[in-house]
Amino acid sequence: MTTDPKKSAEAPYWTLSGLAEGAWRASPLVPGTVIFASAFGALAAQKGLTLTDTVLMNVLVFTGIAQLLALEVWTDPLTLGTIASLVTLTLVVSARFILMGASLRPWMGSLPAWQSYPVLLLTTDANWIVAMRYRAEGGGDASILAGAGLALWAIWITAVVPGYLLGAIMQDPKRLGIDLMLPVFFAAMLVQLWRGPRRAVGWAIAGVVALVAAQLLPGFWFIVIGAVVGSIVGGFVDEPE
């Protein structure tokens, strides 16, 4: 007999020990984050960004997939058309954070705004998964989300430097498989989301639809189409708790 996490989960609170626990819970994702950040640094060097530009982008933006996709359309010098494409692409790819933020509302909604809103700035796919697994186990310490986010943010900032230095002298990053780092990273995160084959149906269909859309449509519409179709399918096949 299983316990409904919505009924057993504790009310939200903050602790210093929770920050450390959040960082510890995020530790399995550290190797992937290091590789991911290094790959981003190498590609940024290939695109002609300075090391300062690259590090500042990681400090201020901290949304890996949007940053990598932005590099795909990056031009030097930047034109108004490129800037418009960057803004649109970032908005589309980052729209998932609306749903991720909404999923955190039942947990952190009772906290004062000055406590809940700042930690949302640290929300990424990785620490959101860590925090939601912890919440599903009945935990209430909001510091888990913050601790995991801070740990991964620190890794994201520092690991980009060796990647950048390597990319500056590397002629073809794809020869080392750097272009595969993004799908490998997200595939690793899916392991933590596994809830059985029924729940994976939406993932599989989203992947197939995205691959087909990538062949038929220009640009990055395959991301949006795959996500929407996968979400709809997942909503129909998901079993009520």
C-alpha atoms as a PDB file:
ATOM      1  CA  MET A   1       0.000   0.000   0.000  1.00  0.00           C
ATOM      2  CA  THR A   2       1.441   3.361  -1.027  1.00  0.00           C
ATOM      3  CA  THR A   3       1.017   6.692   0.707  1.00  0.00           C
ATOM      4  CA  ASP A   4      -0.341   9.672  -1.200  1.00  0.00           C
ATOM      5  CA  PRO A   5       2.514  12.247  -1.154  1.00  0.00           C
ATOM      6  CA  LYS A   6       0.010  15.091  -1.341  1.00  0.00           C
ATOM      7  CA  LYS A   7      -1.470  13.993   1.981  1.00  0.00           C
ATOM      8  CA  SER A   8       1.737  13.015   3.761  1.00  0.00           C
ATOM      9  CA  ALA A   9       4.079  15.823   2.659  1.00  0.00           C
ATOM     10  CA  GLU A  10       5.139  18.269   5.337  1.00  0.00           C
ATOM     11  CA  ALA A  11       4.481  22.015   5.326  1.00  0.00           C
ATOM     12  CA  PRO A  12       7.378  23.990   3.803  1.00  0.00           C
ATOM     13  CA  TYR A  13      10.241  25.280   5.937  1.00  0.00           C
ATOM     14  CA  TRP A  14      13.909  26.283   5.583  1.00  0.00           C
ATOM     15  CA  THR A  15      17.046  24.823   7.200  1.00  0.00           C
ATOM     16  CA  LEU A  16      20.795  25.130   6.685  1.00  0.00           C
ATOM     17  CA  SER A  17      21.099  21.349   6.775  1.00  0.00           C
ATOM     18  CA  GLY A  18      18.606  21.218   3.903  1.00  0.00           C
ATOM     19  CA  LEU A  19      20.987  23.223   1.725  1.00  0.00           C
ATOM     20  CA  ALA A  20      23.695  20.625   2.298  1.00  0.00           C
ATOM     21  CA  GLU A  21      21.267  17.769   1.713  1.00  0.00           C
ATOM     22  CA  GLY A  22      20.070  19.363  -1.519  1.00  0.00           C
ATOM     23  CA  ALA A  23      23.650  19.633  -2.751  1.00  0.00           C
ATOM     24  CA  TRP A  24      24.243  16.000  -1.788  1.00  0.00           C
ATOM     25  CA  ARG A  25      21.094  14.837  -3.556  1.00  0.00           C
ATOM     26  CA  ALA A  26      22.263  16.662  -6.701  1.00  0.00           C
ATOM     27  CA  SER A  27      25.690  14.974  -6.620  1.00  0.00           C
ATOM     28  CA  PRO A  28      24.765  12.237  -9.143  1.00  0.00           C
ATOM     29  CA  LEU A  29      24.118  15.013 -11.663  1.00  0.00           C
ATOM     30  CA  VAL A  30      27.479  16.717 -11.117  1.00  0.00           C
ATOM     31  CA  PRO A  31      29.490  14.689 -13.693  1.00  0.00           C
ATOM     32  CA  GLY A  32      26.884  15.370 -16.366  1.00  0.00           C
ATOM     33  CA  THR A  33      26.781  19.057 -15.453  1.00  0.00           C
ATOM     34  CA  VAL A  34      30.578  19.285 -15.692  1.00  0.00           C
ATOM     35  CA  ILE A  35      30.545  17.736 -19.159  1.00  0.00           C
ATOM     36  CA  PHE A  36      27.553  19.847 -20.208  1.00  0.00           C
ATOM     37  CA  ALA A  37      29.189  23.095 -19.037  1.00  0.00           C
ATOM     38  CA  SER A  38      32.500  22.162 -20.630  1.00  0.00           C
ATOM     39  CA  ALA A  39      30.730  21.473 -23.920  1.00  0.00           C
ATOM     40  CA  PHE A  40      29.010  24.838 -23.731  1.00  0.00           C
ATOM     41  CA  GLY A  41      32.341  26.549 -23.077  1.00  0.00           C
ATOM     42  CA  ALA A  42      33.949  24.818 -26.058  1.00  0.00           C
ATOM     43  CA  LEU A  43      31.114  25.804 -28.382  1.00  0.00           C
ATOM     44  CA  ALA A  44      31.154  29.377 -27.076  1.00  0.00           C
ATOM     45  CA  ALA A  45      34.845  29.616 -27.911  1.00  0.00           C
ATOM     46  CA  GLN A  46      34.144  28.301 -31.400  1.00  0.00           C
ATOM     47  CA  LYS A  47      31.494  31.004 -31.845  1.00  0.00           C
ATOM     48  CA  GLY A  48      33.964  33.749 -30.943  1.00  0.00           C
ATOM     49  CA  LEU A  49      32.641  34.699 -27.491  1.00  0.00           C
ATOM     50  CA  THR A  50      35.224  35.870 -24.976  1.00  0.00           C
ATOM     51  CA  LEU A  51      35.810  33.948 -21.779  1.00  0.00           C
ATOM     52  CA  THR A  52      34.302  36.842 -19.816  1.00  0.00           C
ATOM     53  CA  ASP A  53      31.170  36.799 -21.982  1.00  0.00           C
ATOM     54  CA  THR A  54      30.829  33.043 -21.557  1.00  0.00           C
ATOM     55  CA  VAL A  55      31.245  33.041 -17.780  1.00  0.00           C
ATOM     56  CA  LEU A  56      28.878  35.996 -17.353  1.00  0.00           C
ATOM     57  CA  MET A  57      26.240  34.234 -19.449  1.00  0.00           C
ATOM     58  CA  ASN A  58      26.513  31.205 -17.171  1.00  0.00           C
ATOM     59  CA  VAL A  59      26.297  33.367 -14.045  1.00  0.00           C
ATOM     60  CA  LEU A  60      23.311  35.441 -15.162  1.00  0.00           C
ATOM     61  CA  VAL A  61      21.311  33.082 -17.380  1.00  0.00           C
ATOM     62  CA  PHE A  62      21.856  29.555 -15.989  1.00  0.00           C
ATOM     63  CA  THR A  63      19.547  27.734 -18.384  1.00  0.00           C
ATOM     64  CA  GLY A  64      21.793  25.330 -20.243  1.00  0.00           C
ATOM     65  CA  ILE A  65      19.625  24.125 -23.110  1.00  0.00           C
ATOM     66  CA  ALA A  66      18.522  27.653 -24.058  1.00  0.00           C
ATOM     67  CA  GLN A  67      22.134  28.809 -23.973  1.00  0.00           C
ATOM     68  CA  LEU A  68      23.277  25.992 -26.243  1.00  0.00           C
ATOM     69  CA  LEU A  69      20.465  26.608 -28.693  1.00  0.00           C
ATOM     70  CA  ALA A  70      21.242  30.321 -28.647  1.00  0.00           C
ATOM     71  CA  LEU A  71      24.759  29.515 -29.813  1.00  0.00           C
ATOM     72  CA  GLU A  72      23.272  27.764 -32.825  1.00  0.00           C
ATOM     73  CA  VAL A  73      21.899  31.072 -34.141  1.00  0.00           C
ATOM     74  CA  TRP A  74      24.643  33.323 -32.745  1.00  0.00           C
ATOM     75  CA  THR A  75      26.347  35.604 -35.274  1.00  0.00           C
ATOM     76  CA  ASP A  76      29.234  38.047 -34.990  1.00  0.00           C
ATOM     77  CA  PRO A  77      28.375  40.860 -35.165  1.00  0.00           C
ATOM     78  CA  LEU A  78      24.858  40.484 -33.793  1.00  0.00           C
ATOM     79  CA  THR A  79      22.065  41.789 -36.016  1.00  0.00           C
ATOM     80  CA  LEU A  80      18.539  42.796 -35.039  1.00  0.00           C
ATOM     81  CA  GLY A  81      17.242  39.669 -36.736  1.00  0.00           C
ATOM     82  CA  THR A  82      19.621  37.479 -34.713  1.00  0.00           C
ATOM     83  CA  ILE A  83      18.649  39.215 -31.474  1.00  0.00           C
ATOM     84  CA  ALA A  84      14.958  38.693 -32.259  1.00  0.00           C
ATOM     85  CA  SER A  85      15.644  35.011 -32.961  1.00  0.00           C
ATOM     86  CA  LEU A  86      17.564  34.656 -29.706  1.00  0.00           C
ATOM     87  CA  VAL A  87      14.752  36.211 -27.695  1.00  0.00           C
ATOM     88  CA  THR A  88      12.071  34.099 -29.375  1.00  0.00           C
ATOM     89  CA  LEU A  89      14.049  30.880 -29.055  1.00  0.00           C
ATOM     90  CA  THR A  90      14.782  31.517 -25.375  1.00  0.00           C
ATOM     91  CA  LEU A  91      11.124  32.261 -24.632  1.00  0.00           C
ATOM     92  CA  VAL A  92       9.906  29.131 -26.393  1.00  0.00           C
ATOM     93  CA  VAL A  93      12.454  26.764 -24.862  1.00  0.00           C
ATOM     94  CA  SER A  94      12.112  28.269 -21.380  1.00  0.00           C
ATOM     95  CA  ALA A  95       8.310  28.154 -21.392  1.00  0.00           C
ATOM     96  CA  ARG A  96       8.596  24.815 -19.584  1.00  0.00           C
ATOM     97  CA  PHE A  97       9.547  26.744 -16.446  1.00  0.00           C
ATOM     98  CA  ILE A  98       5.984  28.030 -16.260  1.00  0.00           C
ATOM     99  CA  LEU A  99       4.756  24.491 -15.651  1.00  0.00           C
ATOM    100  CA  MET A 100       7.684  23.680 -13.381  1.00  0.00           C
ATOM    101  CA  GLY A 101       6.949  26.760 -11.295  1.00  0.00           C
ATOM    102  CA  ALA A 102       3.281  25.843 -11.128  1.00  0.00           C
ATOM    103  CA  SER A 103       4.205  22.374  -9.846  1.00  0.00           C
ATOM    104  CA  LEU A 104       6.127  23.997  -6.978  1.00  0.00           C
ATOM    105  CA  ARG A 105       3.170  26.140  -5.918  1.00  0.00           C
ATOM    106  CA  PRO A 106       1.405  23.468  -3.812  1.00  0.00           C
ATOM    107  CA  TRP A 107       4.666  22.974  -1.903  1.00  0.00           C
ATOM    108  CA  MET A 108       5.990  26.518  -1.488  1.00  0.00           C
ATOM    109  CA  GLY A 109       2.854  28.584  -1.993  1.00  0.00           C
ATOM    110  CA  SER A 110       2.390  29.152   1.738  1.00  0.00           C
ATOM    111  CA  LEU A 111       5.859  30.653   2.149  1.00  0.00           C
ATOM    112  CA  PRO A 112       6.319  34.462   2.099  1.00  0.00           C
ATOM    113  CA  ALA A 113       7.203  35.831  -1.338  1.00  0.00           C
ATOM    114  CA  TRP A 114      10.658  36.932  -0.169  1.00  0.00           C
ATOM    115  CA  GLN A 115      11.434  33.310   0.695  1.00  0.00           C
ATOM    116  CA  SER A 116       9.927  31.503  -2.290  1.00  0.00           C
ATOM    117  CA  TYR A 117      10.576  33.796  -5.253  1.00  0.00           C
ATOM    118  CA  PRO A 118      14.395  34.128  -5.011  1.00  0.00           C
ATOM    119  CA  VAL A 119      14.879  30.356  -5.042  1.00  0.00           C
ATOM    120  CA  LEU A 120      12.818  30.120  -8.241  1.00  0.00           C
ATOM    121  CA  LEU A 121      15.687  31.900 -10.005  1.00  0.00           C
ATOM    122  CA  LEU A 122      17.797  28.793  -9.347  1.00  0.00           C
ATOM    123  CA  THR A 123      15.252  26.396 -10.806  1.00  0.00           C
ATOM    124  CA  THR A 124      16.554  24.179 -13.581  1.00  0.00           C
ATOM    125  CA  ASP A 125      15.470  20.815 -14.916  1.00  0.00           C
ATOM    126  CA  ALA A 126      18.055  19.070 -12.741  1.00  0.00           C
ATOM    127  CA  ASN A 127      17.379  20.551  -9.298  1.00  0.00           C
ATOM    128  CA  TRP A 128      13.620  20.570  -9.976  1.00  0.00           C
ATOM    129  CA  ILE A 129      13.776  16.794 -10.475  1.00  0.00           C
ATOM    130  CA  VAL A 130      15.808  16.402  -7.269  1.00  0.00           C
ATOM    131  CA  ALA A 131      13.376  18.558  -5.295  1.00  0.00           C
ATOM    132  CA  MET A 132      10.219  16.934  -6.649  1.00  0.00           C
ATOM    133  CA  ARG A 133      11.509  13.454  -5.836  1.00  0.00           C
ATOM    134  CA  TYR A 134      12.233  14.631  -2.313  1.00  0.00           C
ATOM    135  CA  ARG A 135       8.757  16.154  -2.064  1.00  0.00           C
ATOM    136  CA  ALA A 136       7.155  12.954  -3.348  1.00  0.00           C
ATOM    137  CA  GLU A 137       8.830  11.156  -0.447  1.00  0.00           C
ATOM    138  CA  GLY A 138       6.959  13.453   1.932  1.00  0.00           C
ATOM    139  CA  GLY A 139       9.703  16.020   2.625  1.00  0.00           C
ATOM    140  CA  GLY A 140       8.929  19.676   3.232  1.00  0.00           C
ATOM    141  CA  ASP A 141      12.323  21.412   3.449  1.00  0.00           C
ATOM    142  CA  ALA A 142      12.379  24.014   0.649  1.00  0.00           C
ATOM    143  CA  SER A 143      16.137  24.295   1.153  1.00  0.00           C
ATOM    144  CA  ILE A 144      16.513  21.104  -0.888  1.00  0.00           C
ATOM    145  CA  LEU A 145      15.603  22.969  -4.070  1.00  0.00           C
ATOM    146  CA  ALA A 146      17.909  25.865  -3.209  1.00  0.00           C
ATOM    147  CA  GLY A 147      20.819  23.651  -2.154  1.00  0.00           C
ATOM    148  CA  ALA A 148      20.672  21.541  -5.293  1.00  0.00           C
ATOM    149  CA  GLY A 149      20.356  24.660  -7.430  1.00  0.00           C
ATOM    150  CA  LEU A 150      23.290  26.446  -5.795  1.00  0.00           C
ATOM    151  CA  ALA A 151      25.521  23.388  -6.112  1.00  0.00           C
ATOM    152  CA  LEU A 152      24.738  22.886  -9.790  1.00  0.00           C
ATOM    153  CA  TRP A 153      25.033  26.630 -10.470  1.00  0.00           C
ATOM    154  CA  ALA A 154      28.544  26.678  -8.953  1.00  0.00           C
ATOM    155  CA  ILE A 155      29.551  23.690 -11.097  1.00  0.00           C
ATOM    156  CA  TRP A 156      27.970  25.280 -14.179  1.00  0.00           C
ATOM    157  CA  ILE A 157      29.993  28.472 -13.675  1.00  0.00           C
ATOM    158  CA  THR A 158      33.375  26.872 -12.994  1.00  0.00           C
ATOM    159  CA  ALA A 159      33.324  23.935 -15.431  1.00  0.00           C
ATOM    160  CA  VAL A 160      32.734  26.236 -18.385  1.00  0.00           C
ATOM    161  CA  VAL A 161      36.274  27.639 -18.086  1.00  0.00           C
ATOM    162  CA  PRO A 162      38.293  24.503 -18.991  1.00  0.00           C
ATOM    163  CA  GLY A 163      35.762  23.775 -21.721  1.00  0.00           C
ATOM    164  CA  TYR A 164      36.265  27.237 -23.171  1.00  0.00           C
ATOM    165  CA  LEU A 165      40.060  26.933 -23.062  1.00  0.00           C
ATOM    166  CA  LEU A 166      39.856  23.558 -24.785  1.00  0.00           C
ATOM    167  CA  GLY A 167      37.425  24.832 -27.394  1.00  0.00           C
ATOM    168  CA  ALA A 168      39.681  27.759 -28.226  1.00  0.00           C
ATOM    169  CA  ILE A 169      42.339  25.365 -29.541  1.00  0.00           C
ATOM    170  CA  MET A 170      40.018  22.667 -30.877  1.00  0.00           C
ATOM    171  CA  GLN A 171      39.224  22.833 -34.567  1.00  0.00           C
ATOM    172  CA  ASP A 172      36.235  20.478 -34.613  1.00  0.00           C
ATOM    173  CA  PRO A 173      34.487  19.832 -31.246  1.00  0.00           C
ATOM    174  CA  LYS A 174      32.147  17.304 -32.902  1.00  0.00           C
ATOM    175  CA  ARG A 175      35.062  14.932 -33.428  1.00  0.00           C
ATOM    176  CA  LEU A 176      35.142  14.425 -29.651  1.00  0.00           C
ATOM    177  CA  GLY A 177      31.387  13.972 -29.446  1.00  0.00           C
ATOM    178  CA  ILE A 178      30.757  17.295 -27.699  1.00  0.00           C
ATOM    179  CA  ASP A 179      27.603  17.767 -29.753  1.00  0.00           C
ATOM    180  CA  LEU A 180      26.191  14.674 -28.002  1.00  0.00           C
ATOM    181  CA  MET A 181      26.579  16.090 -24.487  1.00  0.00           C
ATOM    182  CA  LEU A 182      23.140  17.698 -24.391  1.00  0.00           C
ATOM    183  CA  PRO A 183      21.089  14.578 -25.272  1.00  0.00           C
ATOM    184  CA  VAL A 184      23.275  12.433 -23.006  1.00  0.00           C
ATOM    185  CA  PHE A 185      22.750  14.814 -20.084  1.00  0.00           C
ATOM    186  CA  PHE A 186      18.974  14.866 -20.427  1.00  0.00           C
ATOM    187  CA  ALA A 187      18.830  11.113 -20.977  1.00  0.00           C
ATOM    188  CA  ALA A 188      20.629  10.708 -17.641  1.00  0.00           C
ATOM    189  CA  MET A 189      18.060  12.938 -15.946  1.00  0.00           C
ATOM    190  CA  LEU A 190      15.211  10.838 -17.319  1.00  0.00           C
ATOM    191  CA  VAL A 191      16.465   7.928 -15.218  1.00  0.00           C
ATOM    192  CA  GLN A 192      15.447   9.811 -12.071  1.00  0.00           C
ATOM    193  CA  LEU A 193      11.992  10.448 -13.518  1.00  0.00           C
ATOM    194  CA  TRP A 194      11.309   6.810 -14.378  1.00  0.00           C
ATOM    195  CA  ARG A 195       7.945   5.650 -13.023  1.00  0.00           C
ATOM    196  CA  GLY A 196       7.410   2.568 -15.167  1.00  0.00           C
ATOM    197  CA  PRO A 197       6.720   1.900 -18.864  1.00  0.00           C
ATOM    198  CA  ARG A 198       3.226   3.425 -18.808  1.00  0.00           C
ATOM    199  CA  ARG A 199       4.571   6.828 -17.789  1.00  0.00           C
ATOM    200  CA  ALA A 200       7.279   6.577 -20.475  1.00  0.00           C
ATOM    201  CA  VAL A 201       4.798   6.386 -23.359  1.00  0.00           C
ATOM    202  CA  GLY A 202       4.593  10.179 -23.541  1.00  0.00           C
ATOM    203  CA  TRP A 203       8.386  10.463 -23.607  1.00  0.00           C
ATOM    204  CA  ALA A 204       8.717   7.984 -26.455  1.00  0.00           C
ATOM    205  CA  ILE A 205       6.024   9.609 -28.572  1.00  0.00           C
ATOM    206  CA  ALA A 206       7.455  13.078 -27.895  1.00  0.00           C
ATOM    207  CA  GLY A 207      10.862  11.885 -29.097  1.00  0.00           C
ATOM    208  CA  VAL A 208       9.519  10.314 -32.273  1.00  0.00           C
ATOM    209  CA  VAL A 209       7.367  13.343 -33.119  1.00  0.00           C
ATOM    210  CA  ALA A 210      10.290  15.697 -32.489  1.00  0.00           C
ATOM    211  CA  LEU A 211      12.558  13.677 -34.793  1.00  0.00           C
ATOM    212  CA  VAL A 212       9.959  13.715 -37.571  1.00  0.00           C
ATOM    213  CA  ALA A 213       9.317  17.445 -37.109  1.00  0.00           C
ATOM    214  CA  ALA A 214      13.055  18.157 -37.248  1.00  0.00           C
ATOM    215  CA  GLN A 215      13.176  16.548 -40.695  1.00  0.00           C
ATOM    216  CA  LEU A 216      10.101  18.365 -42.018  1.00  0.00           C
ATOM    217  CA  LEU A 217      10.329  21.845 -40.495  1.00  0.00           C
ATOM    218  CA  PRO A 218      13.157  24.397 -40.346  1.00  0.00           C
ATOM    219  CA  GLY A 219      14.480  25.914 -37.142  1.00  0.00           C
ATOM    220  CA  PHE A 220      13.666  24.629 -33.669  1.00  0.00           C
ATOM    221  CA  TRP A 221       9.927  24.030 -33.989  1.00  0.00           C
ATOM    222  CA  PHE A 222      10.549  20.331 -33.361  1.00  0.00           C
ATOM    223  CA  ILE A 223      11.201  21.148 -29.688  1.00  0.00           C
ATOM    224  CA  VAL A 224       7.824  22.819 -29.241  1.00  0.00           C
ATOM    225  CA  ILE A 225       5.894  20.251 -31.283  1.00  0.00           C
ATOM    226  CA  GLY A 226       7.478  17.278 -29.550  1.00  0.00           C
ATOM    227  CA  ALA A 227       6.882  18.770 -26.104  1.00  0.00           C
ATOM    228  CA  VAL A 228       3.229  19.609 -26.777  1.00  0.00           C
ATOM    229  CA  VAL A 229       2.389  16.217 -28.285  1.00  0.00           C
ATOM    230  CA  GLY A 230       4.242  14.361 -25.530  1.00  0.00           C
ATOM    231  CA  SER A 231       2.450  16.353 -22.830  1.00  0.00           C
ATOM    232  CA  ILE A 232      -0.974  15.657 -24.335  1.00  0.00           C
ATOM    233  CA  VAL A 233      -0.263  11.943 -24.698  1.00  0.00           C
ATOM    234  CA  GLY A 234       1.163  11.799 -21.189  1.00  0.00           C
ATOM    235  CA  GLY A 235      -1.973  13.417 -19.814  1.00  0.00           C
ATOM    236  CA  PHE A 236      -4.158  10.729 -21.395  1.00  0.00           C
ATOM    237  CA  VAL A 237      -2.088   7.700 -20.420  1.00  0.00           C
ATOM    238  CA  ASP A 238      -1.203   8.841 -16.904  1.00  0.00           C
ATOM    239  CA  GLU A 239      -2.977   6.898 -14.193  1.00  0.00           C
ATOM    240  CA  PRO A 240      -4.761   8.799 -11.438  1.00  0.00           C
ATOM    241  CA  GLU A 241      -2.998   8.638  -8.095  1.00  0.00           C
END
